[in-house]
Protein backbone atom coordinates (compact mmCIF):
# COMPACT_ATOMS: atom_id res chain seq x y z
CA MET A 1 -70.47 8.81 -32.18
CA LYS A 2 -68.03 5.93 -32.04
CA ARG A 3 -67.41 6.21 -35.77
CA ILE A 4 -66.59 9.93 -35.44
CA PHE A 5 -64.18 9.20 -32.59
CA ALA A 6 -62.47 6.48 -34.65
CA LEU A 7 -62.09 8.83 -37.62
CA ILE A 8 -60.53 11.54 -35.42
CA LEU A 9 -58.08 8.99 -33.93
CA ALA A 10 -57.09 7.74 -37.40
CA LEU A 11 -56.51 11.31 -38.54
CA LEU A 12 -54.26 12.03 -35.57
CA LEU A 13 -52.17 8.90 -36.27
CA MET A 14 -51.74 9.87 -39.92
CA LEU A 15 -50.54 13.35 -38.93
CA ALA A 16 -48.06 11.85 -36.44
CA PHE A 17 -46.57 9.46 -39.03
CA ALA A 18 -46.28 12.29 -41.52
CA ALA A 19 -44.39 14.46 -39.02
CA CYS A 20 -41.94 11.62 -38.26
CA GLY A 21 -41.28 11.08 -41.96
CA GLN A 22 -40.64 14.79 -42.52
CA GLU A 23 -38.13 14.88 -39.60
CA ALA A 24 -36.26 11.89 -41.00
CA GLU A 25 -36.01 13.57 -44.42
CA ASN A 26 -34.64 16.77 -42.88
CA THR A 27 -31.93 14.94 -40.91
CA ASP A 28 -28.41 15.37 -42.37
CA PRO A 29 -26.68 11.97 -42.63
CA ALA A 30 -23.36 13.66 -41.97
CA GLU A 31 -24.64 14.89 -38.62
CA GLU A 32 -25.61 11.38 -37.61
CA THR A 33 -22.06 10.03 -38.18
CA SER A 34 -20.03 13.04 -37.07
CA GLU A 35 -19.97 12.16 -33.37
CA PRO A 36 -18.69 8.59 -33.78
CA GLU A 37 -16.02 9.83 -36.22
CA ASN A 38 -14.80 12.39 -33.70
CA ALA A 39 -14.77 9.81 -30.94
CA GLU A 40 -12.72 7.43 -33.09
CA SER A 41 -10.18 10.10 -34.00
CA GLU A 42 -9.63 10.85 -30.32
CA THR A 43 -8.75 7.22 -29.56
CA GLU A 44 -6.20 7.11 -32.39
CA THR A 45 -3.83 9.59 -30.73
CA GLU A 46 -0.32 8.16 -30.86
CA ILE A 47 1.23 7.22 -27.50
CA PRO A 48 5.05 7.21 -27.27
CA GLU A 49 6.45 3.68 -26.98
CA GLU A 50 7.88 2.89 -23.56
CA THR A 51 11.44 1.66 -23.22
CA PRO A 52 11.44 -2.18 -23.04
CA ALA A 53 12.35 -3.26 -19.51
CA LEU A 54 15.45 -5.21 -20.59
CA TYR A 55 16.86 -2.31 -22.61
CA GLU A 56 16.21 0.09 -19.75
CA GLU A 57 18.05 -2.26 -17.39
CA MET A 58 21.00 -2.39 -19.79
CA LEU A 59 21.21 1.40 -20.00
CA VAL A 60 21.07 1.75 -16.21
CA ASN A 61 23.61 -0.99 -15.44
CA PHE A 62 26.13 0.45 -17.89
CA GLY A 63 26.47 3.60 -15.82
CA GLY A 64 23.10 5.20 -15.21
CA THR A 65 20.78 5.73 -12.28
CA TYR A 66 17.16 6.79 -11.77
CA ARG A 67 15.93 10.24 -10.84
CA HIS A 68 12.90 10.75 -8.61
CA ASP A 69 10.62 10.97 -11.67
CA GLY A 70 11.77 7.62 -13.05
CA SER A 71 13.94 9.06 -15.83
CA ILE A 72 17.50 7.81 -16.33
CA ILE A 73 20.55 10.01 -15.84
CA VAL A 74 24.29 9.36 -15.92
CA ASN A 75 25.48 8.26 -12.48
CA ARG A 76 27.26 11.22 -10.92
CA LYS A 77 29.48 8.90 -8.85
CA GLY A 78 31.29 8.03 -12.08
CA SER A 79 30.16 6.33 -15.27
CA PHE A 80 31.28 4.86 -18.59
CA TYR A 81 28.91 7.38 -20.16
CA ASP A 82 31.40 10.07 -19.18
CA LEU A 83 33.68 8.71 -21.93
CA ARG A 84 31.96 10.58 -24.75
CA GLU A 85 34.53 9.41 -27.32
CA GLY A 86 33.18 5.91 -26.78
CA ILE A 87 34.56 2.46 -25.98
CA GLU A 88 35.37 0.09 -28.84
CA ASP A 89 35.87 -2.98 -26.65
CA CYS A 90 34.21 -3.03 -23.24
CA SER A 91 36.26 -6.06 -22.18
CA ALA A 92 39.60 -4.26 -22.69
CA MET A 93 39.33 -1.11 -20.57
CA THR A 94 41.74 0.28 -18.00
CA ALA A 95 41.67 -0.77 -14.35
CA ASP A 96 40.54 2.65 -13.15
CA SER A 97 37.56 2.58 -15.55
CA TYR A 98 36.30 -0.69 -14.12
CA TYR A 99 36.91 0.46 -10.56
CA THR A 100 34.94 3.68 -11.11
CA TRP A 101 32.08 1.67 -12.61
CA VAL A 102 31.94 -0.64 -9.56
CA VAL A 103 32.05 2.34 -7.19
CA SER A 104 29.16 4.01 -9.03
CA ARG A 105 26.80 1.08 -8.39
CA THR A 106 27.76 0.08 -4.83
CA GLU A 107 27.75 1.37 -1.26
CA ASN A 108 30.03 0.86 1.74
CA SER A 109 27.81 -2.04 2.77
CA ASP A 110 29.18 -3.93 -0.27
CA LYS A 111 32.75 -3.52 0.99
CA ILE A 112 34.89 -5.02 3.72
CA LYS A 113 37.11 -3.22 6.23
CA VAL A 114 40.78 -4.13 5.87
CA MET A 115 44.14 -2.85 6.99
CA LEU A 116 46.44 -2.14 4.05
CA SER A 117 50.13 -1.39 4.12
CA GLY A 118 50.83 2.32 4.03
CA PHE A 119 47.58 3.28 5.79
CA ASP A 120 47.19 4.36 9.41
CA SER A 121 43.73 2.86 9.81
CA GLU A 122 41.36 0.39 8.20
CA VAL A 123 39.77 1.26 4.86
CA TYR A 124 36.69 0.06 3.00
CA ALA A 125 37.74 -2.19 0.11
CA TYR A 126 36.09 -4.68 -2.23
CA SER A 127 36.69 -8.35 -1.60
CA ALA A 128 38.14 -10.07 -4.67
CA ASP A 129 35.10 -12.34 -5.00
CA PHE A 130 32.66 -9.42 -5.06
CA TYR A 131 34.69 -7.13 -7.31
CA GLU A 132 35.69 -9.75 -9.85
CA GLY A 133 32.16 -11.18 -9.90
CA GLU A 134 30.56 -7.80 -10.73
CA ILE A 135 32.91 -7.15 -13.64
CA ALA A 136 32.80 -10.70 -14.99
CA LYS A 137 28.99 -10.60 -14.93
CA TYR A 138 28.72 -7.63 -17.30
CA PHE A 139 32.06 -7.51 -19.15
CA GLY A 140 33.43 -11.04 -19.16
CA VAL A 141 36.85 -10.00 -17.85
CA SER A 142 38.73 -12.79 -16.07
CA ALA A 143 39.98 -12.60 -12.49
CA GLU A 144 43.56 -13.05 -13.70
CA GLU A 145 43.32 -9.92 -15.85
CA LEU A 146 41.85 -7.86 -13.02
CA LYS A 147 44.44 -8.98 -10.46
CA ALA A 148 47.20 -7.53 -12.69
CA CYS A 149 46.19 -3.96 -11.79
CA ASP A 150 47.68 -1.77 -9.03
CA TYR A 151 44.34 -1.74 -7.18
CA TYR A 152 44.65 -5.38 -6.17
CA TYR A 153 46.18 -6.23 -2.76
CA ALA A 154 47.15 -9.89 -2.84
CA GLU A 155 47.76 -10.27 0.91
CA GLN A 156 44.23 -9.13 1.76
CA ASN A 157 42.78 -10.46 -1.53
CA CYS A 158 40.88 -7.23 -2.13
CA TYR A 159 40.69 -4.19 -4.42
CA TYR A 160 41.08 -0.63 -3.22
CA TYR A 161 41.65 2.77 -4.75
CA GLU A 162 41.30 6.14 -3.05
CA GLY A 163 39.72 9.27 -4.47
CA VAL A 164 37.43 8.27 -7.35
CA PRO A 165 36.23 11.53 -8.96
CA ALA A 166 32.53 12.34 -9.29
CA ALA A 167 30.74 14.19 -12.10
CA GLY A 168 29.03 17.53 -11.61
CA ASP A 169 26.21 18.19 -14.08
CA TYR A 170 23.10 16.12 -14.73
CA VAL A 171 23.17 14.23 -18.02
CA SER A 172 19.99 12.47 -19.14
CA VAL A 173 19.98 9.10 -20.90
CA GLU A 174 17.07 8.67 -23.32
CA TYR A 175 16.24 5.47 -25.18
CA VAL A 176 15.51 5.90 -28.91
CA SER A 177 15.32 2.45 -30.51
CA ALA A 178 17.01 -0.95 -30.66
CA GLU A 179 17.94 -3.54 -33.26
CA GLU A 180 18.36 -7.23 -32.48
CA SER A 181 20.59 -9.51 -34.57
CA GLY A 182 20.96 -13.04 -33.28
CA ASP A 183 22.29 -12.79 -29.73
CA THR A 184 23.36 -9.15 -30.14
CA ILE A 185 21.34 -6.02 -29.32
CA ALA A 186 22.28 -2.50 -30.45
CA ILE A 187 20.54 0.16 -28.34
CA ASN A 188 20.32 3.66 -29.80
CA PHE A 189 20.08 6.43 -27.22
CA THR A 190 20.91 10.07 -26.59
CA LEU A 191 22.90 11.80 -23.87
CA THR A 192 21.63 15.31 -23.12
CA ASP A 193 23.24 17.97 -20.93
CA ALA A 194 23.36 21.77 -20.86
CA ASN A 195 25.36 21.78 -24.10
CA GLY A 196 22.85 19.75 -26.10
CA SER A 197 22.35 16.13 -27.16
CA THR A 198 24.64 13.52 -28.68
CA ASN A 199 23.64 10.17 -30.19
CA HIS A 200 25.22 6.88 -29.15
CA VAL A 201 24.92 3.12 -29.62
CA LEU A 202 25.37 0.57 -26.83
CA THR A 203 25.97 -2.96 -28.16
CA VAL A 204 25.21 -5.86 -25.85
CA LYS A 205 25.56 -9.64 -26.22
CA ILE A 206 22.96 -11.96 -24.67
CA LEU A 207 24.59 -14.93 -22.92
CA PRO A 208 23.29 -18.52 -22.95
CA ASP A 209 22.46 -18.32 -19.23
CA GLY A 210 20.20 -15.31 -19.79
CA GLY A 211 22.71 -12.70 -18.66
CA TYR A 212 24.52 -10.25 -20.92
CA ASN A 213 27.90 -8.65 -21.56
CA TYR A 214 28.55 -5.15 -22.85
CA LEU A 215 30.50 -5.18 -26.12
CA SER A 216 30.91 -1.54 -27.14
CA TYR A 217 29.66 2.01 -26.56
CA LEU A 218 30.19 4.33 -29.51
CA PRO A 219 28.99 7.66 -30.94
CA ALA A 220 26.29 7.17 -33.58
């Protein structure tokens, strides 16, 4: 009886092994590897490169500001970006251009109240130290050059101009790429408004102290 039971058990094992072998033969190798291949292809989807933090800072400080979604637009309080024809030498601009740039990035809390000749009441003006420091930091213009403009009031040692115009439409600033050469960085970007997009290059010089000065802003 035991021998019969052993024979039946051996027969069942042989049938099981045979079935496993047949299943392995019928399996398509391509089916076994298809899922991993699909998974790999999904992970290889290209992700757009983010704007490097330093380049983004340079684009904003030149005359941009952030929208609620984190994108950069031209500052509507006035901006160098409004000069679509470009700027060949950022250290040799007119007094009103520098003043508009300072206004675009400051508030009344950055100003002082002074009484100027020809005015019936006090006005908010920039102290010479603050105004000259902001421009020297990013454009390398000396205090002597700035004091030569009509906006400087020597008696109060301040800068004041009334009625700086503001822009109307939204203009987006979008980083494209950048090239570094020694201590100089050329940032390629686009300005886009309702009329379309234009390409531009902002050239910046890195200073030994870690700061930077804007050199030029030109159409590409």
